[in-house]
N, C-alpha and C. Protein backbone atom coordinates (compact mmCIF):
# COMPACT_ATOMS: atom_id res chain seq x y z
N MET A 1 0.83 -1.18 0.00
CA MET A 1 0.00 0.00 0.00
C MET A 1 0.88 1.26 0.00
N ALA A 2 0.67 2.11 -0.95
CA ALA A 2 1.47 3.33 -1.05
C ALA A 2 0.89 4.41 -0.12
N THR A 3 1.77 5.13 0.50
CA THR A 3 1.31 6.23 1.36
C THR A 3 1.32 7.52 0.57
N ALA A 4 0.30 8.27 0.74
CA ALA A 4 0.18 9.57 0.05
C ALA A 4 1.04 10.59 0.78
N LYS A 5 1.74 11.37 0.01
CA LYS A 5 2.55 12.44 0.58
C LYS A 5 1.66 13.62 0.90
N THR A 6 1.71 14.09 2.12
CA THR A 6 0.89 15.25 2.49
C THR A 6 1.77 16.49 2.44
N GLU A 7 1.27 17.49 1.76
CA GLU A 7 1.99 18.75 1.70
C GLU A 7 1.69 19.58 2.93
N GLN A 8 2.73 20.15 3.49
CA GLN A 8 2.58 21.03 4.64
C GLN A 8 2.28 22.43 4.13
N PRO A 9 1.36 23.12 4.77
CA PRO A 9 1.07 24.50 4.34
C PRO A 9 2.24 25.42 4.65
N ALA A 10 2.48 26.36 3.77
CA ALA A 10 3.53 27.35 4.01
C ALA A 10 3.00 28.40 4.98
N VAL A 11 3.81 28.74 5.94
CA VAL A 11 3.42 29.75 6.92
C VAL A 11 4.45 30.87 6.88
N ASN A 12 4.00 32.07 6.64
CA ASN A 12 4.88 33.23 6.65
C ASN A 12 4.76 33.95 7.99
N ALA A 13 5.86 34.49 8.44
CA ALA A 13 5.83 35.26 9.68
C ALA A 13 5.05 36.55 9.45
N ALA A 14 4.21 36.88 10.40
CA ALA A 14 3.41 38.11 10.29
C ALA A 14 4.21 39.29 10.83
N ARG A 15 4.10 40.41 10.18
CA ARG A 15 4.77 41.61 10.66
C ARG A 15 4.07 42.16 11.89
N PHE A 16 2.74 42.21 11.85
CA PHE A 16 1.97 42.74 12.96
C PHE A 16 1.32 41.59 13.71
N VAL A 17 1.54 41.54 15.02
CA VAL A 17 1.00 40.46 15.84
C VAL A 17 0.29 41.04 17.05
N THR A 18 -0.58 40.25 17.65
CA THR A 18 -1.28 40.68 18.86
C THR A 18 -0.29 40.80 20.02
N VAL A 19 -0.70 41.49 21.05
CA VAL A 19 0.14 41.62 22.25
C VAL A 19 0.45 40.24 22.81
N GLU A 20 -0.54 39.37 22.83
CA GLU A 20 -0.35 38.03 23.39
C GLU A 20 0.66 37.22 22.59
N LEU A 21 0.59 37.29 21.27
CA LEU A 21 1.55 36.56 20.45
C LEU A 21 2.94 37.18 20.57
N ALA A 22 3.00 38.51 20.63
CA ALA A 22 4.29 39.17 20.82
C ALA A 22 4.93 38.74 22.14
N ALA A 23 4.10 38.54 23.17
CA ALA A 23 4.61 38.07 24.45
C ALA A 23 5.24 36.70 24.30
N THR A 24 4.56 35.82 23.60
CA THR A 24 5.10 34.47 23.37
C THR A 24 6.39 34.53 22.57
N MET A 25 6.42 35.38 21.56
CA MET A 25 7.59 35.47 20.68
C MET A 25 8.80 36.07 21.38
N THR A 26 8.58 37.04 22.27
CA THR A 26 9.69 37.77 22.88
C THR A 26 10.10 37.28 24.25
N GLY A 27 9.20 36.59 24.93
CA GLY A 27 9.48 36.19 26.30
C GLY A 27 9.08 37.23 27.32
N LEU A 28 8.61 38.38 26.84
CA LEU A 28 8.08 39.41 27.74
C LEU A 28 6.65 39.03 28.11
N SER A 29 6.17 39.53 29.22
CA SER A 29 4.76 39.29 29.54
C SER A 29 3.90 40.27 28.74
N ALA A 30 2.64 39.93 28.58
CA ALA A 30 1.71 40.83 27.89
C ALA A 30 1.62 42.14 28.65
N ALA A 31 1.66 42.07 29.99
CA ALA A 31 1.60 43.29 30.80
C ALA A 31 2.82 44.17 30.56
N ALA A 32 3.98 43.58 30.41
CA ALA A 32 5.20 44.36 30.14
C ALA A 32 5.12 45.04 28.79
N ILE A 33 4.56 44.34 27.81
CA ILE A 33 4.40 44.94 26.48
C ILE A 33 3.42 46.10 26.54
N ARG A 34 2.32 45.91 27.24
CA ARG A 34 1.32 46.99 27.37
C ARG A 34 1.93 48.20 28.08
N LYS A 35 2.75 47.98 29.10
CA LYS A 35 3.40 49.09 29.80
C LYS A 35 4.33 49.85 28.87
N ARG A 36 5.05 49.14 28.03
CA ARG A 36 5.96 49.81 27.08
C ARG A 36 5.17 50.70 26.12
N THR A 37 3.99 50.25 25.70
CA THR A 37 3.20 51.07 24.79
C THR A 37 2.56 52.24 25.53
N GLU A 38 2.07 52.00 26.74
CA GLU A 38 1.40 53.06 27.51
C GLU A 38 2.37 54.14 27.97
N ARG A 39 3.58 53.77 28.33
CA ARG A 39 4.56 54.72 28.84
C ARG A 39 5.36 55.41 27.74
N GLY A 40 5.15 54.99 26.50
CA GLY A 40 5.85 55.62 25.38
C GLY A 40 7.25 55.10 25.15
N VAL A 41 7.60 53.98 25.78
CA VAL A 41 8.89 53.36 25.49
C VAL A 41 8.87 52.84 24.06
N TRP A 42 7.75 52.21 23.69
CA TRP A 42 7.51 51.81 22.31
C TRP A 42 6.49 52.79 21.74
N LEU A 43 6.82 53.40 20.63
CA LEU A 43 6.01 54.48 20.07
C LEU A 43 4.99 53.99 19.05
N GLU A 44 3.81 54.59 19.11
CA GLU A 44 2.77 54.28 18.13
C GLU A 44 3.26 54.72 16.76
N GLY A 45 3.12 53.85 15.78
CA GLY A 45 3.59 54.14 14.43
C GLY A 45 4.99 53.62 14.18
N LYS A 46 5.72 53.28 15.25
CA LYS A 46 7.06 52.70 15.10
C LYS A 46 7.10 51.26 15.59
N GLU A 47 6.83 51.07 16.87
CA GLU A 47 6.88 49.72 17.44
C GLU A 47 5.50 49.08 17.56
N TRP A 48 4.46 49.88 17.46
CA TRP A 48 3.11 49.32 17.52
C TRP A 48 2.15 50.24 16.78
N ARG A 49 1.01 49.68 16.42
CA ARG A 49 -0.05 50.44 15.74
C ARG A 49 -1.40 50.02 16.29
N ARG A 50 -2.36 50.90 16.11
CA ARG A 50 -3.73 50.59 16.49
C ARG A 50 -4.50 50.28 15.21
N GLY A 51 -5.16 49.14 15.20
CA GLY A 51 -5.93 48.73 14.03
C GLY A 51 -7.22 49.51 13.92
N PRO A 52 -7.93 49.36 12.80
CA PRO A 52 -9.20 50.07 12.60
C PRO A 52 -10.24 49.73 13.67
N ASP A 53 -10.07 48.57 14.29
CA ASP A 53 -11.01 48.16 15.34
C ASP A 53 -10.56 48.62 16.73
N GLY A 54 -9.44 49.35 16.79
CA GLY A 54 -8.94 49.85 18.07
C GLY A 54 -7.96 48.92 18.77
N ARG A 55 -7.76 47.75 18.21
CA ARG A 55 -6.86 46.77 18.84
C ARG A 55 -5.41 47.14 18.60
N VAL A 56 -4.57 46.88 19.59
CA VAL A 56 -3.13 47.17 19.48
C VAL A 56 -2.44 46.02 18.76
N TRP A 57 -1.62 46.37 17.77
CA TRP A 57 -0.84 45.40 17.02
C TRP A 57 0.63 45.76 17.17
N ILE A 58 1.43 44.79 17.55
CA ILE A 58 2.86 45.00 17.73
C ILE A 58 3.56 44.76 16.40
N ASP A 59 4.42 45.70 16.02
CA ASP A 59 5.16 45.63 14.77
C ASP A 59 6.49 44.90 15.03
N THR A 60 6.60 43.67 14.57
CA THR A 60 7.81 42.89 14.86
C THR A 60 9.06 43.52 14.25
N LYS A 61 8.92 44.14 13.09
CA LYS A 61 10.08 44.82 12.49
C LYS A 61 10.45 46.07 13.30
N GLY A 62 9.44 46.75 13.83
CA GLY A 62 9.70 47.92 14.67
C GLY A 62 10.42 47.54 15.96
N ILE A 63 10.00 46.43 16.57
CA ILE A 63 10.64 45.96 17.79
C ILE A 63 12.07 45.54 17.50
N GLU A 64 12.28 44.87 16.38
CA GLU A 64 13.63 44.46 15.99
C GLU A 64 14.53 45.69 15.84
N ALA A 65 14.05 46.71 15.16
CA ALA A 65 14.82 47.94 14.99
C ALA A 65 15.09 48.61 16.34
N TRP A 66 14.11 48.59 17.24
CA TRP A 66 14.27 49.17 18.57
C TRP A 66 15.37 48.46 19.34
N VAL A 67 15.38 47.14 19.28
CA VAL A 67 16.40 46.36 19.99
C VAL A 67 17.78 46.67 19.42
N LEU A 68 17.89 46.70 18.10
CA LEU A 68 19.19 46.98 17.48
C LEU A 68 19.66 48.38 17.79
N GLN A 69 18.75 49.35 17.79
CA GLN A 69 19.11 50.74 18.08
C GLN A 69 19.57 50.88 19.53
N LYS A 70 18.87 50.25 20.44
CA LYS A 70 19.21 50.35 21.86
C LYS A 70 20.53 49.65 22.17
N SER A 71 20.89 48.64 21.38
CA SER A 71 22.13 47.93 21.64
C SER A 71 23.31 48.53 20.87
N GLY A 72 23.03 49.60 20.11
CA GLY A 72 24.09 50.27 19.36
C GLY A 72 24.47 49.58 18.07
N MET A 73 23.64 48.66 17.59
CA MET A 73 23.96 47.91 16.38
C MET A 73 23.33 48.50 15.13
N ALA A 74 22.43 49.48 15.28
CA ALA A 74 21.73 50.03 14.10
C ALA A 74 22.57 51.10 13.44
C-alpha cells in the first residue's frame, strides 16, 4: 500500500501580531508589552499600531529595529 505524501502548508511570519503573540515570541509578559506602549517606550507608528477596530498590534520589524538601536547595532 502506497502512502500519500501530504503537503505542509507554508506559513509566513506576520509583521503585525497581537500583544499576546508578541509576548510568546519575545518572552516578555503581555503586561510588560502593554506598559511599554502606555509609557511611550515603544512608540505608536514605530513599534506598535492601532488597528481600525482599536486593537493594538505589535510591529515585529519595529521591535527588531528598537532592539538593534538600543544595543548600538543600528
